[in-house]
Every structure is written in structure tokens, then in C-alpha cells.
Amino acid sequence: MLNVLVGAIILVVWLLILKVATTHFLFFMSSQVLLAVLMLGNMAKMTFKAIIFLFVMHPFDVGDHVEIDRVRMIVEEMNILATVLLRYDSPKIIYPNSVLSTKPISNYYHSTDMRDAIEFGMHISTPMEKIALMKEKITRTKVMRDIEHLPRIRWSVWITHTMNLQDMRERWAKTALLVKEMVKIFRELDIEYRMLPLNVNVRNMPQFSSSRVPSNWSLCA
């Protein structure tokens, strides 16, 4: 680097001595060189960050399911400067690797057995005997979350998958089977959620003047 700087100074002095270039020309050239140095420096910095991200950090591979900014995506293509990600609703998103290096990334493929939660509600007047039977039949972790809108109790069933969530279709298929089994248990135990009765006060109701009646009514002779 020092040799290049010394060579540039010698070249400028030589041009001035031979009167090949004027000071205005040298000022113009120096400004262009400075601009090029800044641009190349920024590009070199981005390239260095991208290389460190790809080959040192290496948070994912092609085909991995990742979550970035709370959005689940699939890694479709990896390049030196950018990564192509496929979102769940199919649009392709191109992220610069220098930007990805500053974001937290969740990789489902490299994760161990992962947990999931299924929420459901039941009426607050459900007998404790039924709740105990429900807990016995659902052999997983049951957690009462809270009571919302008074007549409803929120529950969560915490499950641990024997896999990571790389294959989302398999995850939803297993969750659907569990939900079906839970619905079957609720029907067997007659556990349900129903709204509280509402009082409706009707005032100043207009006089009924129509002669039409519903089709399932029988007219009196």
C-alpha cells in the first residue's frame, strides 16, 4: 500500500514538472480517485461481511426452514453477496448477506425436538370432575392460562414433537390428529364453551300488521 502511495505522488510530481497536467486537471482526477476509493472500500467491507457470514457463521444451508424477523422462510439460493429466501406464501425475497449478518436467525433444521402449544377454551362452570378426567385422557402438559370474558377459561396443551419443525406439513398433520383426539374427548365428557345468556329489552315495538307467517307454522282454521 505504501509503494502505491509513493508511486502516485511521484507520478503527480512528474506530470507537474513536465507540465503535462494542470492543477485543475489534477484536482478533478484526485476527486474521482477519492470517490472510487470510497466506493470500493464500502464494497470491500460488504464483501468481507458477506464472506464471514457465509463461511464462518454459516447459519443455514439451501433447503433449511428459517425464521427471520418473525417470518418463516425457506433458503432457496445462497450467493456471495445475497441470499434468496422463499416466503410461506411463495414470494422470493433477496436479502444482502451483510444485512442478514446483523439479524437473529432461527434455523428449524438444526434444532432439536421442538415444543408446540394448542389453546382451547371451556365454560367456567365446567365441573372439576370433568376437568380431572380430561387431564387424564390428554396425556400431555396442561396449563390453565387465564380467565377471559368471565364465562371462558383458556387452557393450553403443551406438546413436544419428536422432530424439529423443518417439515411443516408433518407438523400440521400431527397437530391436526391431536386436535381431533381432543375434540373426541370433549364430546365424550360433554365439555363445551357457551356464551352467557343475554338480556334483550325491546321497547316501542311497532304494531304487527303483516299477514305473512313462516312456512313451518300451521294456520288455525
C-alpha atoms as a PDB file:
ATOM      1  CA  MET A   1       0.000   0.000   0.000  1.00  0.00           C
ATOM      2  CA  LEU A   2       2.885   2.370   0.821  1.00  0.00           C
ATOM      3  CA  ASN A   3       4.538   1.651  -2.521  1.00  0.00           C
ATOM      4  CA  VAL A   4       1.314   2.530  -4.351  1.00  0.00           C
ATOM      5  CA  LEU A   5       1.025   5.834  -2.444  1.00  0.00           C
ATOM      6  CA  VAL A   6       4.653   6.761  -3.159  1.00  0.00           C
ATOM      7  CA  GLY A   7       4.233   5.847  -6.827  1.00  0.00           C
ATOM      8  CA  ALA A   8       1.119   8.051  -7.108  1.00  0.00           C
ATOM      9  CA  ILE A   9       2.956  11.030  -5.558  1.00  0.00           C
ATOM     10  CA  ILE A  10       5.924  10.577  -7.917  1.00  0.00           C
ATOM     11  CA  LEU A  11       3.556  10.405 -10.902  1.00  0.00           C
ATOM     12  CA  VAL A  12       1.806  13.649  -9.886  1.00  0.00           C
ATOM     13  CA  VAL A  13       5.124  15.483  -9.379  1.00  0.00           C
ATOM     14  CA  TRP A  14       6.395  14.191 -12.732  1.00  0.00           C
ATOM     15  CA  LEU A  15       3.263  15.425 -14.538  1.00  0.00           C
ATOM     16  CA  LEU A  16       3.606  18.863 -12.913  1.00  0.00           C
ATOM     17  CA  ILE A  17       7.289  19.152 -13.842  1.00  0.00           C
ATOM     18  CA  LEU A  18       6.659  18.219 -17.453  1.00  0.00           C
ATOM     19  CA  LYS A  19       3.576  20.469 -17.499  1.00  0.00           C
ATOM     20  CA  VAL A  20       1.536  17.613 -18.898  1.00  0.00           C
ATOM     21  CA  ALA A  21      -1.317  18.214 -16.472  1.00  0.00           C
ATOM     22  CA  THR A  22      -2.646  21.373 -14.875  1.00  0.00           C
ATOM     23  CA  THR A  23      -3.675  21.791 -11.242  1.00  0.00           C
ATOM     24  CA  HIS A  24      -7.381  21.814 -12.232  1.00  0.00           C
ATOM     25  CA  PHE A  25      -6.972  18.519 -14.012  1.00  0.00           C
ATOM     26  CA  LEU A  26      -5.163  17.021 -11.036  1.00  0.00           C
ATOM     27  CA  PHE A  27      -7.847  18.276  -8.650  1.00  0.00           C
ATOM     28  CA  PHE A  28     -10.546  16.686 -10.817  1.00  0.00           C
ATOM     29  CA  MET A  29      -8.675  13.391 -11.049  1.00  0.00           C
ATOM     30  CA  SER A  30      -7.973  13.302  -7.310  1.00  0.00           C
ATOM     31  CA  SER A  31     -11.671  13.822  -6.503  1.00  0.00           C
ATOM     32  CA  GLN A  32     -12.625  10.969  -8.843  1.00  0.00           C
ATOM     33  CA  VAL A  33      -9.969   8.720  -7.340  1.00  0.00           C
ATOM     34  CA  LEU A  34     -11.191   9.555  -3.828  1.00  0.00           C
ATOM     35  CA  LEU A  35     -14.779   8.736  -4.826  1.00  0.00           C
ATOM     36  CA  ALA A  36     -13.656   5.437  -6.345  1.00  0.00           C
ATOM     37  CA  VAL A  37     -11.686   4.589  -3.191  1.00  0.00           C
ATOM     38  CA  LEU A  38     -14.749   5.235  -1.013  1.00  0.00           C
ATOM     39  CA  MET A  39     -16.990   3.133  -3.234  1.00  0.00           C
ATOM     40  CA  LEU A  40     -14.502   0.291  -3.435  1.00  0.00           C
ATOM     41  CA  GLY A  41     -13.917   0.492   0.300  1.00  0.00           C
ATOM     42  CA  ASN A  42     -17.638   0.174   1.028  1.00  0.00           C
ATOM     43  CA  MET A  43     -17.951  -2.709  -1.445  1.00  0.00           C
ATOM     44  CA  ALA A  44     -14.940  -4.424   0.095  1.00  0.00           C
ATOM     45  CA  LYS A  45     -16.476  -4.029   3.555  1.00  0.00           C
ATOM     46  CA  MET A  46     -19.799  -5.536   2.416  1.00  0.00           C
ATOM     47  CA  THR A  47     -17.995  -8.384   0.653  1.00  0.00           C
ATOM     48  CA  PHE A  48     -15.913  -9.122   3.739  1.00  0.00           C
ATOM     49  CA  LYS A  49     -19.031  -9.220   5.945  1.00  0.00           C
ATOM     50  CA  ALA A  50     -20.785 -11.493   3.450  1.00  0.00           C
ATOM     51  CA  ILE A  51     -17.837 -13.914   3.345  1.00  0.00           C
ATOM     52  CA  ILE A  52     -17.652 -14.038   7.142  1.00  0.00           C
ATOM     53  CA  PHE A  53     -21.429 -14.641   7.283  1.00  0.00           C
ATOM     54  CA  LEU A  54     -21.364 -17.459   4.711  1.00  0.00           C
ATOM     55  CA  PHE A  55     -18.208 -19.356   5.603  1.00  0.00           C
ATOM     56  CA  VAL A  56     -17.612 -18.577   9.285  1.00  0.00           C
ATOM     57  CA  MET A  57     -21.061 -18.077  10.820  1.00  0.00           C
ATOM     58  CA  HIS A  58     -22.824 -20.306   8.233  1.00  0.00           C
ATOM     59  CA  PRO A  59     -26.266 -20.181   9.920  1.00  0.00           C
ATOM     60  CA  PHE A  60     -28.146 -22.167   7.258  1.00  0.00           C
ATOM     61  CA  ASP A  61     -27.918 -24.268   4.103  1.00  0.00           C
ATOM     62  CA  VAL A  62     -30.062 -24.440   0.975  1.00  0.00           C
ATOM     63  CA  GLY A  63     -33.434 -26.003   1.813  1.00  0.00           C
ATOM     64  CA  ASP A  64     -33.439 -25.076   5.517  1.00  0.00           C
ATOM     65  CA  HIS A  65     -36.539 -23.600   7.143  1.00  0.00           C
ATOM     66  CA  VAL A  66     -35.521 -20.381   8.897  1.00  0.00           C
ATOM     67  CA  GLU A  67     -37.297 -17.593  10.735  1.00  0.00           C
ATOM     68  CA  ILE A  68     -36.100 -14.011  10.231  1.00  0.00           C
ATOM     69  CA  ASP A  69     -37.967 -11.017  11.669  1.00  0.00           C
ATOM     70  CA  ARG A  70     -40.727 -13.436  12.803  1.00  0.00           C
ATOM     71  CA  VAL A  71     -41.306 -14.598   9.220  1.00  0.00           C
ATOM     72  CA  ARG A  72     -40.781 -18.244   8.277  1.00  0.00           C
ATOM     73  CA  MET A  73     -38.973 -18.801   5.001  1.00  0.00           C
ATOM     74  CA  ILE A  74     -37.070 -21.460   3.059  1.00  0.00           C
ATOM     75  CA  VAL A  75     -33.498 -20.885   1.890  1.00  0.00           C
ATOM     76  CA  GLU A  76     -33.655 -21.285  -1.887  1.00  0.00           C
ATOM     77  CA  GLU A  77     -30.315 -19.927  -3.116  1.00  0.00           C
ATOM     78  CA  MET A  78     -27.070 -18.758  -1.498  1.00  0.00           C
ATOM     79  CA  ASN A  79     -24.650 -16.392  -3.247  1.00  0.00           C
ATOM     80  CA  ILE A  80     -21.614 -14.472  -2.067  1.00  0.00           C
ATOM     81  CA  LEU A  81     -23.380 -11.117  -1.669  1.00  0.00           C
ATOM     82  CA  ALA A  82     -27.045 -12.112  -1.285  1.00  0.00           C
ATOM     83  CA  THR A  83     -29.354 -14.970  -0.267  1.00  0.00           C
ATOM     84  CA  VAL A  84     -32.673 -15.779  -1.950  1.00  0.00           C
ATOM     85  CA  LEU A  85     -35.417 -16.784   0.511  1.00  0.00           C
ATOM     86  CA  LEU A  86     -38.860 -18.173  -0.314  1.00  0.00           C
ATOM     87  CA  ARG A  87     -41.626 -16.948   1.995  1.00  0.00           C
ATOM     88  CA  TYR A  88     -44.537 -19.161   3.083  1.00  0.00           C
ATOM     89  CA  ASP A  89     -46.906 -17.508   0.559  1.00  0.00           C
ATOM     90  CA  SER A  90     -44.387 -18.070  -2.303  1.00  0.00           C
ATOM     91  CA  PRO A  91     -42.790 -14.634  -2.995  1.00  0.00           C
ATOM     92  CA  LYS A  92     -38.995 -14.651  -3.260  1.00  0.00           C
ATOM     93  CA  ILE A  93     -37.109 -12.243  -1.012  1.00  0.00           C
ATOM     94  CA  ILE A  94     -33.478 -11.303  -1.690  1.00  0.00           C
ATOM     95  CA  TYR A  95     -31.517 -10.384   1.432  1.00  0.00           C
ATOM     96  CA  PRO A  96     -27.978  -8.940   1.269  1.00  0.00           C
ATOM     97  CA  ASN A  97     -25.734 -11.169   3.370  1.00  0.00           C
ATOM     98  CA  SER A  98     -24.280  -8.102   5.070  1.00  0.00           C
ATOM     99  CA  VAL A  99     -27.810  -7.336   6.339  1.00  0.00           C
ATOM    100  CA  LEU A 100     -28.510 -10.943   7.367  1.00  0.00           C
ATOM    101  CA  SER A 101     -25.324 -10.946   9.433  1.00  0.00           C
ATOM    102  CA  THR A 102     -26.924  -8.355  11.752  1.00  0.00           C
ATOM    103  CA  LYS A 103     -30.230 -10.230  12.270  1.00  0.00           C
ATOM    104  CA  PRO A 104     -31.102 -13.089  14.645  1.00  0.00           C
ATOM    105  CA  ILE A 105     -31.896 -16.216  12.608  1.00  0.00           C
ATOM    106  CA  SER A 106     -33.816 -19.271  13.833  1.00  0.00           C
ATOM    107  CA  ASN A 107     -32.964 -22.450  11.944  1.00  0.00           C
ATOM    108  CA  TYR A 108     -35.544 -25.230  12.342  1.00  0.00           C
ATOM    109  CA  TYR A 109     -33.420 -27.837  10.581  1.00  0.00           C
ATOM    110  CA  HIS A 110     -30.573 -27.588  13.105  1.00  0.00           C
ATOM    111  CA  SER A 111     -32.945 -27.509  16.097  1.00  0.00           C
ATOM    112  CA  THR A 112     -33.659 -30.439  18.417  1.00  0.00           C
ATOM    113  CA  ASP A 113     -37.132 -31.795  19.282  1.00  0.00           C
ATOM    114  CA  MET A 114     -39.357 -28.727  19.429  1.00  0.00           C
ATOM    115  CA  ARG A 115     -42.389 -27.815  21.501  1.00  0.00           C
ATOM    116  CA  ASP A 116     -45.788 -26.607  20.418  1.00  0.00           C
ATOM    117  CA  ALA A 117     -48.963 -25.365  22.110  1.00  0.00           C
ATOM    118  CA  ILE A 118     -52.657 -25.853  21.366  1.00  0.00           C
ATOM    119  CA  GLU A 119     -55.056 -23.413  23.020  1.00  0.00           C
ATOM    120  CA  PHE A 120     -58.723 -24.084  23.742  1.00  0.00           C
ATOM    121  CA  GLY A 121     -61.459 -22.689  25.969  1.00  0.00           C
ATOM    122  CA  MET A 122     -64.171 -24.146  28.158  1.00  0.00           C
ATOM    123  CA  HIS A 123     -67.030 -22.768  30.210  1.00  0.00           C
ATOM    124  CA  ILE A 124     -66.221 -21.553  33.691  1.00  0.00           C
ATOM    125  CA  SER A 125     -68.980 -23.739  35.195  1.00  0.00           C
ATOM    126  CA  THR A 126     -67.391 -26.981  33.946  1.00  0.00           C
ATOM    127  CA  PRO A 127     -67.278 -29.443  36.901  1.00  0.00           C
ATOM    128  CA  MET A 128     -63.878 -30.254  38.353  1.00  0.00           C
ATOM    129  CA  GLU A 129     -64.547 -33.980  37.851  1.00  0.00           C
ATOM    130  CA  LYS A 130     -64.752 -33.469  34.087  1.00  0.00           C
ATOM    131  CA  ILE A 131     -61.592 -31.369  34.106  1.00  0.00           C
ATOM    132  CA  ALA A 132     -59.769 -34.130  36.015  1.00  0.00           C
ATOM    133  CA  LEU A 133     -60.955 -36.755  33.511  1.00  0.00           C
ATOM    134  CA  MET A 134     -59.861 -34.500  30.655  1.00  0.00           C
ATOM    135  CA  LYS A 135     -56.373 -34.207  32.167  1.00  0.00           C
ATOM    136  CA  GLU A 136     -56.131 -37.985  32.460  1.00  0.00           C
ATOM    137  CA  LYS A 137     -57.167 -38.568  28.858  1.00  0.00           C
ATOM    138  CA  ILE A 138     -54.880 -35.889  27.403  1.00  0.00           C
ATOM    139  CA  THR A 139     -51.522 -37.280  28.494  1.00  0.00           C
ATOM    140  CA  ARG A 140     -49.575 -34.096  27.944  1.00  0.00           C
ATOM    141  CA  THR A 141     -48.812 -30.942  29.876  1.00  0.00           C
ATOM    142  CA  LYS A 142     -51.986 -28.961  30.586  1.00  0.00           C
ATOM    143  CA  VAL A 143     -51.722 -25.336  31.668  1.00  0.00           C
ATOM    144  CA  MET A 144     -54.609 -23.072  32.642  1.00  0.00           C
ATOM    145  CA  ARG A 145     -53.709 -19.773  31.027  1.00  0.00           C
ATOM    146  CA  ASP A 146     -56.256 -17.296  32.365  1.00  0.00           C
ATOM    147  CA  ILE A 147     -59.940 -16.428  32.574  1.00  0.00           C
ATOM    148  CA  GLU A 148     -61.131 -14.069  29.872  1.00  0.00           C
ATOM    149  CA  HIS A 149     -64.581 -12.534  29.445  1.00  0.00           C
ATOM    150  CA  LEU A 150     -65.616 -14.343  32.668  1.00  0.00           C
ATOM    151  CA  PRO A 151     -67.529 -17.338  31.197  1.00  0.00           C
ATOM    152  CA  ARG A 152     -64.458 -18.702  29.420  1.00  0.00           C
ATOM    153  CA  ILE A 153     -61.352 -20.412  30.793  1.00  0.00           C
ATOM    154  CA  ARG A 154     -58.351 -20.549  28.478  1.00  0.00           C
ATOM    155  CA  TRP A 155     -56.253 -23.712  28.529  1.00  0.00           C
ATOM    156  CA  SER A 156     -53.101 -24.732  26.690  1.00  0.00           C
ATOM    157  CA  VAL A 157     -51.828 -28.205  25.897  1.00  0.00           C
ATOM    158  CA  TRP A 158     -48.027 -28.188  25.613  1.00  0.00           C
ATOM    159  CA  ILE A 159     -46.622 -30.950  23.435  1.00  0.00           C
ATOM    160  CA  THR A 160     -43.084 -31.933  22.456  1.00  0.00           C
ATOM    161  CA  HIS A 161     -42.632 -33.118  18.891  1.00  0.00           C
ATOM    162  CA  THR A 162     -40.220 -35.992  18.293  1.00  0.00           C
ATOM    163  CA  MET A 163     -38.739 -33.909  15.496  1.00  0.00           C
ATOM    164  CA  ASN A 164     -37.827 -30.351  14.649  1.00  0.00           C
ATOM    165  CA  LEU A 165     -40.178 -28.178  12.630  1.00  0.00           C
ATOM    166  CA  GLN A 166     -38.232 -28.389   9.365  1.00  0.00           C
ATOM    167  CA  ASP A 167     -41.103 -30.346   7.760  1.00  0.00           C
ATOM    168  CA  MET A 168     -44.066 -28.035   8.386  1.00  0.00           C
ATOM    169  CA  ARG A 169     -46.552 -30.340   6.649  1.00  0.00           C
ATOM    170  CA  GLU A 170     -45.766 -33.171   9.030  1.00  0.00           C
ATOM    171  CA  ARG A 171     -46.063 -30.787  11.955  1.00  0.00           C
ATOM    172  CA  TRP A 172     -49.550 -29.626  10.943  1.00  0.00           C
ATOM    173  CA  ALA A 173     -50.623 -33.212  10.213  1.00  0.00           C
ATOM    174  CA  LYS A 174     -49.593 -34.350  13.704  1.00  0.00           C
ATOM    175  CA  THR A 175     -51.218 -31.310  15.297  1.00  0.00           C
ATOM    176  CA  ALA A 176     -54.452 -31.985  13.391  1.00  0.00           C
ATOM    177  CA  LEU A 177     -54.533 -35.571  14.702  1.00  0.00           C
ATOM    178  CA  LEU A 178     -54.108 -34.301  18.253  1.00  0.00           C
ATOM    179  CA  VAL A 179     -56.868 -31.704  17.821  1.00  0.00           C
ATOM    180  CA  LYS A 180     -59.229 -34.399  16.503  1.00  0.00           C
ATOM    181  CA  GLU A 181     -58.477 -36.569  19.526  1.00  0.00           C
ATOM    182  CA  MET A 182     -59.086 -33.610  21.865  1.00  0.00           C
ATOM    183  CA  VAL A 183     -62.442 -32.855  20.209  1.00  0.00           C
ATOM    184  CA  LYS A 184     -63.399 -36.516  20.659  1.00  0.00           C
ATOM    185  CA  ILE A 185     -62.525 -36.326  24.371  1.00  0.00           C
ATOM    186  CA  PHE A 186     -64.510 -33.095  24.815  1.00  0.00           C
ATOM    187  CA  ARG A 187     -67.576 -34.683  23.236  1.00  0.00           C
ATOM    188  CA  GLU A 188     -67.278 -37.800  25.386  1.00  0.00           C
ATOM    189  CA  LEU A 189     -67.079 -35.710  28.561  1.00  0.00           C
ATOM    190  CA  ASP A 190     -69.666 -33.162  27.348  1.00  0.00           C
ATOM    191  CA  ILE A 191     -67.221 -30.277  27.815  1.00  0.00           C
ATOM    192  CA  GLU A 192     -68.117 -27.172  25.856  1.00  0.00           C
ATOM    193  CA  TYR A 193     -67.895 -23.420  25.828  1.00  0.00           C
ATOM    194  CA  ARG A 194     -71.097 -21.429  25.611  1.00  0.00           C
ATOM    195  CA  MET A 195     -71.886 -17.771  25.919  1.00  0.00           C
ATOM    196  CA  LEU A 196     -73.767 -16.362  28.864  1.00  0.00           C
ATOM    197  CA  PRO A 197     -77.445 -15.611  28.160  1.00  0.00           C
ATOM    198  CA  LEU A 198     -78.078 -12.045  27.082  1.00  0.00           C
ATOM    199  CA  ASN A 199     -81.000  -9.972  28.282  1.00  0.00           C
ATOM    200  CA  VAL A 200     -82.730  -8.222  25.395  1.00  0.00           C
ATOM    201  CA  ASN A 201     -85.157  -5.432  26.241  1.00  0.00           C
ATOM    202  CA  VAL A 202     -87.451  -4.398  23.378  1.00  0.00           C
ATOM    203  CA  ARG A 203     -89.205  -1.058  23.698  1.00  0.00           C
ATOM    204  CA  ASN A 204     -91.662   0.730  21.444  1.00  0.00           C
ATOM    205  CA  MET A 205     -92.094  -2.245  19.161  1.00  0.00           C
ATOM    206  CA  PRO A 206     -94.285  -1.305  16.154  1.00  0.00           C
ATOM    207  CA  GLN A 207     -97.659  -2.936  15.658  1.00  0.00           C
ATOM    208  CA  PHE A 208     -97.516  -6.241  13.775  1.00  0.00           C
ATOM    209  CA  SER A 209     -99.527  -5.704  10.611  1.00  0.00           C
ATOM    210  CA  SER A 210     -98.240  -8.320   8.145  1.00  0.00           C
ATOM    211  CA  SER A 211    -100.439 -11.292   7.253  1.00  0.00           C
ATOM    212  CA  ARG A 212     -97.449 -13.437   6.215  1.00  0.00           C
ATOM    213  CA  VAL A 213     -96.380 -16.253   8.522  1.00  0.00           C
ATOM    214  CA  PRO A 214     -93.400 -18.618   8.429  1.00  0.00           C
ATOM    215  CA  SER A 215     -93.864 -21.686   6.239  1.00  0.00           C
ATOM    216  CA  ASN A 216     -93.488 -24.093   9.145  1.00  0.00           C
ATOM    217  CA  TRP A 217     -96.392 -22.553  11.079  1.00  0.00           C
ATOM    218  CA  SER A 218     -99.811 -24.171  10.840  1.00  0.00           C
ATOM    219  CA  LEU A 219    -102.710 -21.767  10.422  1.00  0.00           C
ATOM    220  CA  CYS A 220    -105.659 -22.096  12.748  1.00  0.00           C
ATOM    221  CA  ALA A 221    -108.909 -22.930  10.983  1.00  0.00           C
END
